[in-house]
């Protein structure tokens, strides 16, 4: 009986880990972190790599994305975009900036109801341009994610900037 205890303990621990790993909240957290990693543009990134960032980011987006921006940005943005349009805008920004840095998000809340999730998080973002002052700050983001075909996709985002 004693020789079965170590393998049984390993199986129980593996089962607990897999249960935790595949919890919808944890899958969604990893998906959001992966989106932010994909969206980052290091200073050393080549021009070709910068140009290809948009399609990579588009893989995380639903076909139509609702956008709610802060007042100082709101007049320049539409309320809704097709994911290809956002991918093109992102590629243009990635080509033009010196870097985009996104710190690890701090999740404030995740509410999942079936195939829809509402996420609130804080993240520190810096977008540095060579010809103007950097855009930076701690952003509080409200996101809606939908899961139409086994992968979470961003369907709406709004954000406000807070002080440091």
Protein backbone atom coordinates (compact mmCIF):
# COMPACT_ATOMS: atom_id res chain seq x y z
CA UNK A 1 0.00 0.00 0.00
CA UNK A 2 2.84 2.40 0.85
CA UNK A 3 4.37 2.03 -2.61
CA UNK A 4 1.15 3.42 -4.18
CA UNK A 5 1.10 6.59 -2.05
CA UNK A 6 3.82 8.59 -3.93
CA UNK A 7 2.32 7.98 -7.40
CA UNK A 8 -1.17 8.67 -6.02
CA UNK A 9 0.05 11.95 -4.48
CA UNK A 10 1.63 12.95 -7.80
CA UNK A 11 -1.62 12.17 -9.66
CA UNK A 12 -3.66 14.20 -7.18
CA UNK A 13 -1.26 17.17 -7.44
CA UNK A 14 -1.28 16.96 -11.25
CA UNK A 15 -5.09 16.88 -11.23
CA UNK A 16 -5.27 19.90 -8.94
CA UNK A 17 -2.79 21.80 -11.12
CA UNK A 18 -4.72 20.99 -14.32
CA UNK A 19 -7.97 22.03 -12.66
CA UNK A 20 -6.41 25.38 -11.70
CA UNK A 21 -4.70 25.83 -15.11
CA UNK A 22 -7.91 25.37 -17.08
CA UNK A 23 -10.16 27.51 -14.86
CA UNK A 24 -11.80 30.04 -17.22
CA UNK A 25 -10.47 33.00 -15.20
CA UNK A 26 -6.90 31.74 -15.48
CA UNK A 27 -7.24 30.95 -19.19
CA UNK A 28 -8.54 34.49 -19.75
CA UNK A 29 -5.71 36.03 -17.70
CA UNK A 30 -3.16 34.17 -19.81
CA UNK A 31 -4.93 35.24 -23.01
CA UNK A 32 -4.85 38.93 -21.96
CA UNK A 33 -1.17 38.67 -20.94
CA UNK A 34 -0.43 37.09 -24.32
CA UNK A 35 -2.24 39.95 -26.11
CA UNK A 36 -0.13 42.49 -24.22
CA UNK A 37 3.07 40.56 -24.99
CA UNK A 38 2.12 40.50 -28.67
CA UNK A 39 1.34 44.22 -28.63
CA UNK A 40 4.71 45.21 -27.15
CA UNK A 41 7.27 46.76 -29.50
CA UNK A 42 10.83 46.71 -28.13
CA UNK A 43 13.26 49.43 -29.20
CA UNK A 44 15.41 46.85 -30.99
CA UNK A 45 12.59 45.44 -33.15
CA UNK A 46 13.18 45.62 -36.91
CA UNK A 47 10.99 47.64 -39.29
CA UNK A 48 9.67 44.45 -40.90
CA UNK A 49 8.69 42.98 -37.54
CA UNK A 50 6.97 46.22 -36.54
CA UNK A 51 4.95 46.17 -39.76
CA UNK A 52 3.70 42.66 -39.07
CA UNK A 53 2.44 43.32 -35.53
CA UNK A 54 -1.10 44.24 -36.60
CA UNK A 55 -2.14 40.81 -37.93
CA UNK A 56 -0.70 39.19 -34.80
CA UNK A 57 -2.76 41.49 -32.58
CA UNK A 58 -5.87 40.91 -34.75
CA UNK A 59 -5.87 37.24 -33.72
CA UNK A 60 -7.04 38.37 -30.26
CA UNK A 61 -9.90 40.52 -31.56
CA UNK A 62 -13.48 39.67 -32.44
CA UNK A 63 -14.69 40.77 -35.85
CA UNK A 64 -16.08 44.05 -34.49
CA UNK A 65 -14.65 45.85 -31.46
CA UNK A 66 -16.41 48.62 -29.54
CA UNK A 67 -14.06 51.34 -28.26
CA UNK A 68 -14.66 53.78 -25.43
CA UNK A 69 -11.72 56.15 -25.03
CA UNK A 70 -11.05 58.94 -22.53
CA UNK A 71 -12.33 62.43 -23.36
CA UNK A 72 -8.94 63.73 -24.56
CA UNK A 73 -8.77 60.89 -27.13
CA UNK A 74 -12.46 60.26 -27.79
CA UNK A 75 -12.95 62.78 -30.62
CA UNK A 76 -10.32 61.01 -32.74
CA UNK A 77 -11.78 57.52 -32.41
CA UNK A 78 -14.93 55.91 -33.72
CA UNK A 79 -17.20 53.94 -31.42
CA UNK A 80 -16.61 50.68 -33.29
CA UNK A 81 -13.97 49.15 -35.56
CA UNK A 82 -13.57 46.07 -37.74
CA UNK A 83 -10.63 44.01 -36.48
CA UNK A 84 -8.73 44.52 -39.76
CA UNK A 85 -9.00 48.30 -39.34
CA UNK A 86 -7.59 48.10 -35.81
CA UNK A 87 -4.80 45.82 -37.04
CA UNK A 88 -3.87 48.41 -39.69
CA UNK A 89 -3.92 51.25 -37.17
CA UNK A 90 -1.80 49.23 -34.78
CA UNK A 91 0.75 48.40 -37.50
CA UNK A 92 1.03 52.10 -38.39
CA UNK A 93 1.59 53.06 -34.75
CA UNK A 94 4.13 50.24 -34.29
CA UNK A 95 6.10 51.43 -37.36
CA UNK A 96 6.11 55.05 -36.20
CA UNK A 97 6.91 54.66 -32.50
CA UNK A 98 10.25 54.00 -30.84
CA UNK A 99 8.74 51.50 -28.44
CA UNK A 100 5.56 50.24 -26.84
CA UNK A 101 6.02 48.90 -23.34
CA UNK A 102 3.22 47.20 -21.42
CA UNK A 103 3.77 46.10 -17.84
CA UNK A 104 2.07 43.00 -16.46
CA UNK A 105 -1.60 43.71 -15.77
CA UNK A 106 -3.11 43.79 -12.29
CA UNK A 107 -6.55 42.23 -12.48
CA UNK A 108 -9.23 43.90 -10.38
CA UNK A 109 -12.18 41.76 -11.42
CA UNK A 110 -13.15 39.01 -13.83
CA UNK A 111 -16.83 38.10 -14.25
CA UNK A 112 -17.59 35.21 -16.57
CA UNK A 113 -21.13 34.43 -17.66
CA UNK A 114 -21.15 31.58 -20.16
CA UNK A 115 -19.17 32.67 -23.22
CA UNK A 116 -18.90 36.33 -22.18
CA UNK A 117 -16.42 37.82 -19.71
CA UNK A 118 -16.09 41.29 -18.26
CA UNK A 119 -12.60 42.15 -17.08
CA UNK A 120 -11.31 45.19 -15.22
CA UNK A 121 -7.56 45.63 -14.90
CA UNK A 122 -4.77 48.16 -14.40
CA UNK A 123 -1.76 48.26 -16.66
CA UNK A 124 1.17 50.64 -17.10
CA UNK A 125 1.68 51.51 -20.77
CA UNK A 126 4.36 53.61 -22.46
CA UNK A 127 4.21 54.50 -26.15
CA UNK A 128 7.34 56.41 -27.05
CA UNK A 129 7.66 58.42 -30.27
CA UNK A 130 10.88 59.99 -31.55
CA UNK A 131 9.23 63.27 -32.52
CA UNK A 132 6.95 63.97 -29.57
CA UNK A 133 6.41 63.45 -25.87
CA UNK A 134 5.70 59.82 -24.86
CA UNK A 135 2.16 58.70 -24.22
CA UNK A 136 2.29 56.94 -20.89
CA UNK A 137 0.35 56.26 -17.77
CA UNK A 138 -1.43 53.71 -15.69
CA UNK A 139 -4.57 52.76 -17.55
CA UNK A 140 -7.68 51.28 -15.96
CA UNK A 141 -9.23 49.11 -18.65
CA UNK A 142 -12.68 47.61 -18.86
CA UNK A 143 -12.81 44.81 -21.42
CA UNK A 144 -15.45 42.47 -22.71
CA UNK A 145 -14.24 39.16 -24.08
CA UNK A 146 -16.34 36.63 -25.97
CA UNK A 147 -15.62 33.00 -26.65
CA UNK A 148 -17.33 32.06 -29.92
CA UNK A 149 -15.03 29.18 -30.94
CA UNK A 150 -12.94 27.97 -28.01
CA UNK A 151 -10.70 31.10 -27.89
CA UNK A 152 -11.42 34.29 -25.99
CA UNK A 153 -11.61 37.33 -28.28
CA UNK A 154 -11.76 40.98 -27.27
CA UNK A 155 -15.09 42.53 -28.29
CA UNK A 156 -15.02 45.85 -26.43
CA UNK A 157 -12.54 48.00 -24.58
CA UNK A 158 -12.70 51.28 -22.69
CA UNK A 159 -10.05 52.89 -20.56
CA UNK A 160 -9.21 55.85 -18.37
CA UNK A 161 -5.81 57.09 -17.32
CA UNK A 162 -4.98 57.44 -13.64
CA UNK A 163 -2.14 59.25 -11.97
CA UNK A 164 1.07 57.48 -11.11
